[in-house]
Protein backbone atom coordinates (compact mmCIF):
# COMPACT_ATOMS: atom_id res chain seq x y z
CA UNK A 1 0.00 0.00 0.00
CA UNK A 2 1.55 3.38 -0.97
CA UNK A 3 2.30 5.76 1.88
CA UNK A 4 0.61 9.16 2.12
CA UNK A 5 2.22 11.85 -0.03
CA UNK A 6 2.93 14.03 3.01
CA UNK A 7 5.13 11.41 4.67
CA UNK A 8 6.96 10.65 1.43
CA UNK A 9 7.58 14.35 0.97
CA UNK A 10 9.10 14.76 4.42
CA UNK A 11 11.32 11.70 4.09
CA UNK A 12 12.57 12.72 0.65
CA UNK A 13 13.31 16.22 1.86
CA UNK A 14 15.21 14.97 4.89
CA UNK A 15 17.21 12.37 2.93
CA UNK A 16 18.09 14.47 -0.09
CA UNK A 17 18.30 18.10 0.94
CA UNK A 18 18.61 18.23 4.69
CA UNK A 19 16.94 20.76 6.99
CA UNK A 20 18.23 23.86 5.10
CA UNK A 21 17.18 22.89 1.55
CA UNK A 22 15.98 25.66 -0.74
CA UNK A 23 12.51 25.81 -2.33
CA UNK A 24 13.76 24.53 -5.71
CA UNK A 25 15.25 21.41 -4.12
CA UNK A 26 12.05 20.81 -2.19
CA UNK A 27 10.00 21.11 -5.41
CA UNK A 28 12.25 18.60 -7.19
CA UNK A 29 11.92 16.17 -4.29
CA UNK A 30 8.12 16.55 -4.31
CA UNK A 31 7.94 16.00 -8.07
CA UNK A 32 10.10 12.84 -7.91
CA UNK A 33 8.01 11.32 -5.07
CA UNK A 34 4.74 12.00 -6.91
CA UNK A 35 6.05 10.33 -10.07
CA UNK A 36 7.14 7.24 -8.08
CA UNK A 37 3.67 6.94 -6.49
CA UNK A 38 2.02 7.25 -9.87
CA UNK A 39 4.19 4.43 -11.21
CA UNK A 40 3.17 2.12 -8.33
CA UNK A 41 -0.59 2.68 -8.71
CA UNK A 42 -2.48 0.41 -11.18
CA UNK A 43 -3.76 2.06 -14.36
CA UNK A 44 -7.34 3.29 -14.25
CA UNK A 45 -9.93 1.51 -16.36
CA UNK A 46 -11.01 3.46 -19.39
CA UNK A 47 -13.96 1.25 -20.26
CA UNK A 48 -17.36 2.89 -20.58
CA UNK A 49 -20.84 1.39 -20.31
CA UNK A 50 -20.98 1.29 -24.09
CA UNK A 51 -17.94 -0.95 -24.56
CA UNK A 52 -18.42 -4.53 -25.79
CA UNK A 53 -17.14 -5.94 -22.46
CA UNK A 54 -19.81 -4.18 -20.42
CA UNK A 55 -22.48 -5.12 -22.94
CA UNK A 56 -21.54 -8.80 -22.75
CA UNK A 57 -21.57 -8.64 -18.94
CA UNK A 58 -25.05 -7.07 -18.94
CA UNK A 59 -26.27 -9.65 -21.44
CA UNK A 60 -24.95 -12.54 -19.33
CA UNK A 61 -26.55 -11.05 -16.22
CA UNK A 62 -29.88 -10.66 -17.99
CA UNK A 63 -29.69 -14.20 -19.35
CA UNK A 64 -29.00 -15.53 -15.87
CA UNK A 65 -31.93 -13.65 -14.36
CA UNK A 66 -34.31 -14.81 -17.09
CA UNK A 67 -33.33 -18.45 -16.59
CA UNK A 68 -34.04 -18.41 -12.86
CA UNK A 69 -37.63 -19.59 -13.35
CA UNK A 70 -39.12 -21.58 -16.22
CA UNK A 71 -42.87 -22.35 -16.20
CA UNK A 72 -43.64 -26.06 -16.24
CA UNK A 73 -46.65 -27.95 -17.56
CA UNK A 74 -49.55 -28.30 -15.17
CA UNK A 75 -49.16 -31.99 -14.41
CA UNK A 76 -51.88 -32.59 -11.81
CA UNK A 77 -55.46 -31.43 -11.18
CA UNK A 78 -55.89 -28.28 -9.10
CA UNK A 79 -58.85 -27.17 -7.01
CA UNK A 80 -60.73 -28.08 -3.85
CA UNK A 81 -61.72 -31.60 -2.89
CA UNK A 82 -65.26 -30.70 -1.83
CA UNK A 83 -67.96 -29.54 -4.29
CA UNK A 84 -68.84 -25.84 -3.96
CA UNK A 85 -72.05 -24.75 -2.28
CA UNK A 86 -73.75 -21.33 -2.29
CA UNK A 87 -72.95 -19.44 0.88
CA UNK A 88 -69.35 -20.65 1.20
CA UNK A 89 -66.29 -18.38 1.29
CA UNK A 90 -68.26 -15.19 1.82
CA UNK A 91 -65.61 -13.64 4.06
CA UNK A 92 -68.24 -12.75 6.66
CA UNK A 93 -67.78 -14.02 10.22
CA UNK A 94 -71.16 -15.43 11.26
CA UNK A 95 -70.04 -16.77 14.64
CA UNK A 96 -71.89 -15.78 17.78
CA UNK A 97 -70.20 -13.99 20.67
CA UNK A 98 -70.00 -17.24 22.61
CA UNK A 99 -68.36 -19.04 19.70
CA UNK A 100 -65.87 -16.22 19.23
CA UNK A 101 -65.04 -16.30 22.94
CA UNK A 102 -64.54 -20.07 22.87
CA UNK A 103 -62.31 -19.82 19.82
CA UNK A 104 -60.35 -17.00 21.45
CA UNK A 105 -59.43 -19.11 24.50
CA UNK A 106 -58.84 -22.28 22.44
CA UNK A 107 -55.09 -22.91 22.45
CA UNK A 108 -55.07 -25.06 19.29
CA UNK A 109 -56.88 -22.43 17.27
CA UNK A 110 -54.60 -19.82 18.75
CA UNK A 111 -51.56 -21.71 17.43
CA UNK A 112 -53.23 -22.12 14.04
CA UNK A 113 -53.94 -18.39 13.88
CA UNK A 114 -50.36 -17.68 14.91
CA UNK A 115 -49.08 -19.76 11.98
CA UNK A 116 -51.33 -17.85 9.58
CA UNK A 117 -50.10 -14.49 10.86
CA UNK A 118 -46.48 -15.63 10.69
CA UNK A 119 -46.97 -16.71 7.08
CA UNK A 120 -48.50 -13.34 6.20
CA UNK A 121 -45.72 -11.39 7.89
CA UNK A 122 -42.95 -13.45 6.28
CA UNK A 123 -44.39 -12.92 2.80
CA UNK A 124 -42.42 -10.19 0.98
CA UNK A 125 -44.57 -7.25 -0.07
CA UNK A 126 -42.96 -6.97 -3.53
CA UNK A 127 -42.79 -10.71 -4.21
CA UNK A 128 -45.52 -10.68 -6.86
CA UNK A 129 -43.98 -7.62 -8.53
CA UNK A 130 -40.54 -9.24 -8.57
CA UNK A 131 -41.96 -12.41 -10.12
CA UNK A 132 -43.22 -10.36 -13.06
CA UNK A 133 -39.63 -10.09 -14.33
CA UNK A 134 -39.62 -13.77 -15.31
CA UNK A 135 -41.83 -14.80 -18.24
CA UNK A 136 -44.06 -11.78 -17.47
CA UNK A 137 -45.38 -13.54 -14.38
CA UNK A 138 -46.49 -16.75 -16.08
CA UNK A 139 -46.90 -19.31 -13.29
CA UNK A 140 -47.35 -22.50 -15.30
CA UNK A 141 -48.10 -23.86 -18.75
CA UNK A 142 -51.60 -25.17 -19.32
CA UNK A 143 -52.25 -28.89 -19.57
CA UNK A 144 -52.41 -29.95 -23.25
CA UNK A 145 -55.36 -32.30 -22.58
CA UNK A 146 -58.29 -32.12 -20.20
CA UNK A 147 -57.99 -33.64 -16.78
CA UNK A 148 -60.17 -36.70 -16.35
CA UNK A 149 -63.53 -36.00 -14.76
CA UNK A 150 -63.02 -38.61 -12.05
CA UNK A 151 -59.72 -37.03 -10.98
CA UNK A 152 -60.58 -33.34 -11.38
CA UNK A 153 -61.06 -31.05 -8.40
CA UNK A 154 -63.60 -28.28 -7.84
CA UNK A 155 -63.60 -24.53 -8.32
CA UNK A 156 -64.57 -22.76 -5.06
CA UNK A 157 -67.69 -20.73 -4.49
CA UNK A 158 -67.12 -16.98 -4.26
CA UNK A 159 -69.51 -14.16 -3.48
CA UNK A 160 -69.50 -10.66 -4.91
CA UNK A 161 -71.39 -7.93 -6.73
CA UNK A 162 -72.31 -8.18 -10.40
CA UNK A 163 -73.03 -5.51 -12.98
CA UNK A 164 -76.75 -6.26 -12.79
CA UNK A 165 -77.13 -5.35 -9.13
CA UNK A 166 -74.22 -3.86 -7.21
CA UNK A 167 -76.13 -3.78 -3.90
CA UNK A 168 -76.93 -7.48 -3.48
CA UNK A 169 -74.09 -10.00 -3.46
CA UNK A 170 -74.41 -13.17 -5.52
CA UNK A 171 -72.67 -16.55 -5.43
CA UNK A 172 -70.64 -17.76 -8.38
CA UNK A 173 -71.82 -21.36 -7.99
CA UNK A 174 -75.38 -20.44 -8.98
CA UNK A 175 -74.00 -19.12 -12.28
CA UNK A 176 -71.41 -21.85 -12.92
CA UNK A 177 -73.61 -24.82 -12.11
CA UNK A 178 -74.85 -26.90 -15.08
CA UNK A 179 -72.81 -24.86 -17.59
CA UNK A 180 -69.51 -25.32 -19.38
CA UNK A 181 -67.73 -22.17 -18.22
CA UNK A 182 -64.59 -20.30 -19.20
CA UNK A 183 -63.69 -18.43 -16.00
CA UNK A 184 -61.13 -15.60 -15.94
CA UNK A 185 -59.69 -14.39 -12.62
CA UNK A 186 -57.71 -11.14 -12.39
CA UNK A 187 -56.89 -8.33 -9.96
CA UNK A 188 -55.62 -5.53 -12.19
CA UNK A 189 -55.84 -4.18 -15.72
CA UNK A 190 -52.52 -5.85 -16.57
CA UNK A 191 -53.90 -9.23 -15.47
CA UNK A 192 -57.16 -8.65 -17.32
CA UNK A 193 -55.25 -7.98 -20.53
CA UNK A 194 -53.41 -11.26 -20.03
CA UNK A 195 -56.70 -13.16 -19.82
CA UNK A 196 -57.82 -11.50 -23.04
CA UNK A 197 -54.95 -13.25 -24.85
CA UNK A 198 -56.83 -16.48 -24.10
CA UNK A 199 -60.46 -15.48 -24.52
CA UNK A 200 -60.91 -12.38 -26.65
CA UNK A 201 -62.35 -12.60 -30.13
CA UNK A 202 -59.24 -11.12 -31.73
CA UNK A 203 -56.79 -13.42 -29.93
CA UNK A 204 -58.83 -16.65 -30.03
CA UNK A 205 -61.60 -16.56 -32.64
CA UNK A 206 -62.14 -20.33 -32.40
CA UNK A 207 -63.13 -20.08 -28.75
CA UNK A 208 -65.40 -17.12 -29.43
CA UNK A 209 -67.12 -19.06 -32.22
CA UNK A 210 -67.83 -22.02 -29.91
CA UNK A 211 -69.20 -19.75 -27.19
CA UNK A 212 -71.60 -18.11 -29.64
CA UNK A 213 -72.58 -21.37 -31.30
CA UNK A 214 -73.39 -23.19 -28.05
CA UNK A 215 -74.87 -20.45 -25.89
CA UNK A 216 -77.25 -22.92 -24.26
CA UNK A 217 -74.44 -24.91 -22.58
CA UNK A 218 -71.41 -22.55 -22.57
CA UNK A 219 -70.62 -19.22 -21.00
CA UNK A 220 -67.78 -16.91 -20.01
CA UNK A 221 -67.50 -15.64 -16.43
CA UNK A 222 -65.16 -12.84 -15.32
CA UNK A 223 -64.07 -12.55 -11.66
CA UNK A 224 -62.31 -9.39 -10.53
CA UNK A 225 -60.71 -9.96 -7.11
CA UNK A 226 -59.73 -6.78 -5.26
CA UNK A 227 -58.87 -7.34 -1.57
CA UNK A 228 -57.83 -3.72 -1.01
CA UNK A 229 -60.77 -1.87 0.52
CA UNK A 230 -59.96 1.53 -1.00
CA UNK A 231 -59.45 0.15 -4.50
CA UNK A 232 -62.58 -1.96 -4.15
CA UNK A 233 -64.80 1.04 -3.44
CA UNK A 234 -63.19 3.00 -6.26
CA UNK A 235 -64.08 0.15 -8.61
CA UNK A 236 -67.61 0.13 -7.23
CA UNK A 237 -67.78 3.85 -7.93
CA UNK A 238 -66.86 3.38 -11.60
CA UNK A 239 -68.81 0.20 -12.27
CA UNK A 240 -70.98 2.10 -14.72
CA UNK A 241 -68.01 2.34 -17.10
CA UNK A 242 -67.49 -1.41 -17.02
CA UNK A 243 -71.23 -1.85 -17.62
CA UNK A 244 -71.02 0.30 -20.77
CA UNK A 245 -68.08 -1.66 -22.16
CA UNK A 246 -69.75 -5.07 -21.89
CA UNK A 247 -72.82 -6.56 -23.58
CA UNK A 248 -76.01 -6.47 -21.56
CA UNK A 249 -76.36 -10.26 -21.50
CA UNK A 250 -72.95 -10.63 -19.78
CA UNK A 251 -73.59 -8.23 -16.89
CA UNK A 252 -74.70 -11.02 -14.60
CA UNK A 253 -71.47 -12.95 -15.23
CA UNK A 254 -69.04 -10.24 -14.12
CA UNK A 255 -68.18 -10.46 -10.40
CA UNK A 256 -66.34 -7.96 -8.23
CA UNK A 257 -65.09 -9.75 -5.10
CA UNK A 258 -63.34 -8.31 -2.06
CA UNK A 259 -63.44 -11.04 0.59
CA UNK A 260 -63.39 -14.81 0.71
CA UNK A 261 -60.33 -15.56 -1.45
CA UNK A 262 -58.08 -16.96 1.28
CA UNK A 263 -54.48 -18.13 0.95
CA UNK A 264 -55.70 -21.73 1.07
CA UNK A 265 -57.98 -21.13 -1.91
CA UNK A 266 -55.21 -19.38 -3.83
CA UNK A 267 -52.82 -22.27 -3.33
CA UNK A 268 -55.50 -24.84 -4.17
CA UNK A 269 -56.55 -23.36 -7.52
CA UNK A 270 -53.09 -22.10 -8.52
CA UNK A 271 -53.51 -18.34 -7.99
CA UNK A 272 -49.82 -18.03 -7.23
CA UNK A 273 -49.42 -14.38 -8.26
CA UNK A 274 -52.05 -11.76 -7.56
CA UNK A 275 -50.74 -9.59 -10.43
CA UNK A 276 -51.21 -12.26 -13.10
CA UNK A 277 -54.38 -13.28 -14.93
CA UNK A 278 -55.64 -16.87 -14.81
CA UNK A 279 -58.13 -18.77 -16.98
CA UNK A 280 -60.05 -21.91 -15.96
CA UNK A 281 -62.24 -24.25 -17.96
CA UNK A 282 -64.99 -25.79 -15.83
CA UNK A 283 -67.42 -28.56 -16.66
CA UNK A 284 -71.07 -28.64 -15.62
CA UNK A 285 -70.16 -29.89 -12.12
CA UNK A 286 -67.80 -26.93 -11.47
CA UNK A 287 -64.70 -29.10 -11.80
CA UNK A 288 -61.48 -27.57 -13.14
CA UNK A 289 -60.62 -29.52 -16.30
CA UNK A 290 -58.10 -27.05 -17.74
CA UNK A 291 -56.16 -24.02 -16.48
CA UNK A 292 -53.87 -21.35 -17.93
CA UNK A 293 -51.90 -18.37 -16.63
CA UNK A 294 -50.16 -15.25 -17.89
CA UNK A 295 -49.95 -14.47 -21.58
CA UNK A 296 -51.30 -17.25 -23.78
CA UNK A 297 -49.16 -19.23 -26.15
CA UNK A 298 -50.50 -20.58 -29.41
CA UNK A 299 -50.51 -24.17 -28.15
CA UNK A 300 -52.46 -23.12 -25.05
CA UNK A 301 -55.14 -21.41 -27.16
CA UNK A 302 -55.52 -24.55 -29.24
CA UNK A 303 -55.77 -26.82 -26.20
CA UNK A 304 -58.44 -24.53 -24.72
CA UNK A 305 -60.52 -24.73 -27.90
CA UNK A 306 -60.17 -28.52 -28.04
CA UNK A 307 -61.10 -28.79 -24.38
CA UNK A 308 -64.26 -26.73 -24.60
CA UNK A 309 -65.33 -28.59 -27.74
CA UNK A 310 -65.02 -31.89 -25.89
CA UNK A 311 -66.92 -30.60 -22.87
CA UNK A 312 -69.69 -29.30 -25.14
CA UNK A 313 -69.96 -32.74 -26.67
CA UNK A 314 -70.23 -34.29 -23.21
CA UNK A 315 -72.76 -31.68 -22.12
CA UNK A 316 -75.03 -32.50 -25.07
CA UNK A 317 -75.52 -35.99 -23.64
CA UNK A 318 -78.41 -36.47 -21.21
CA UNK A 319 -77.45 -36.28 -17.55
CA UNK A 320 -78.80 -39.79 -16.92
CA UNK A 321 -76.52 -41.22 -19.58
CA UNK A 322 -73.49 -39.48 -18.08
CA UNK A 323 -74.36 -40.79 -14.64
CA UNK A 324 -74.71 -44.32 -15.99
CA UNK A 325 -71.36 -44.11 -17.76
CA UNK A 326 -69.65 -42.95 -14.58
CA UNK A 327 -71.32 -45.72 -12.61
CA UNK A 328 -70.14 -48.28 -15.16
CA UNK A 329 -66.59 -46.96 -14.95
CA UNK A 330 -66.72 -47.02 -11.17
CA UNK A 331 -68.11 -50.57 -11.25
CA UNK A 332 -65.39 -51.71 -13.61
CA UNK A 333 -62.77 -50.20 -11.33
CA UNK A 334 -64.30 -51.99 -8.33
CA UNK A 335 -64.31 -55.28 -10.21
CA UNK A 336 -60.67 -54.81 -11.17
CA UNK A 337 -59.82 -54.02 -7.56
CA UNK A 338 -61.59 -57.13 -6.32
CA UNK A 339 -59.83 -59.26 -8.92
CA UNK A 340 -56.46 -57.90 -7.82
CA UNK A 341 -57.27 -58.66 -4.19
CA UNK A 342 -58.25 -62.24 -5.09
CA UNK A 343 -55.01 -62.70 -7.02
CA UNK A 344 -52.96 -61.40 -4.09
CA UNK A 345 -54.76 -63.75 -1.68
CA UNK A 346 -54.17 -66.70 -3.99
CA UNK A 347 -50.46 -65.87 -4.27
CA UNK A 348 -50.16 -65.59 -0.50
CA UNK A 349 -51.88 -68.98 -0.07
CA UNK A 350 -49.50 -70.58 -2.57
CA UNK A 351 -46.52 -69.08 -0.78
CA UNK A 352 -47.72 -70.39 2.59
CA UNK A 353 -48.30 -73.88 1.19
CA UNK A 354 -44.88 -73.91 -0.46
CA UNK A 355 -43.24 -72.93 2.82
CA UNK A 356 -45.11 -75.59 4.79
CA UNK A 357 -44.09 -78.31 2.35
């Protein structure tokens, strides 16, 4: 490490000139010490942000950040295990004072509530915004084929205001039941534009054609989830604009929801990012048969059209026939299970007899 210039100056003056050196000798000593220090120091970098080296470094950094997360295919059914019922997930606490007091002094429920609060506190505030850097927030790739009806899970019931009547809340299950539904879920204009890449007439004309052709069994339902109270009331204030932008026959299928979408529901149906738009394809029993997120790819649009065409074909069959087909499949599965059990018992008996002999 080079010494301070002041110390070098004093030492050079003492060694070379002595205590009675003139000003010219002192200047020469100062100049020589400064030149020696400059020779010891490493040369300064002259690269600028526009040089090829800096550009390659920025490109490698960007490539590394983009490769941190890659959406994967949705490989298993998502949803809730229990069928939805009107009146569920309203977000309203209907407990009596006695029930609230009993839950307050219940230690097990206290620990459960503590875990929920700890999970909320540990969640970063800007996590959803940071995730938008990768693939524009796309959480997963949609399944190329429909999930089997026997293995599919259910879309939850939610309650909110529609464009028909903003004063009385309505359940989504009453609208979704007995219909093949394309459900979009979003929480911002950015997310709503992402869902339009799946469902709009310009982006997916094949889907729009099927929805118009089979109005008796198909429908599109839009769910706007806004948990922030201030933003919610601002949206309620400007609902008339949304009403003008949409056809009159779709006003009853647009929901504005503030409460009831818990963390458990979000994890169950795959709402992993509140800033991203999601699309679900439901059958007539409110089961999630297909799901998509983010900005649609061409293969996802095609799989959505194929899926709704297949569900329309199933919906055209009488309900009794569908029930009989499911019963036959269940009976065949039971018969296969019984046959496997008989084979296992026979093998165990043979093994026991062989050991005894």
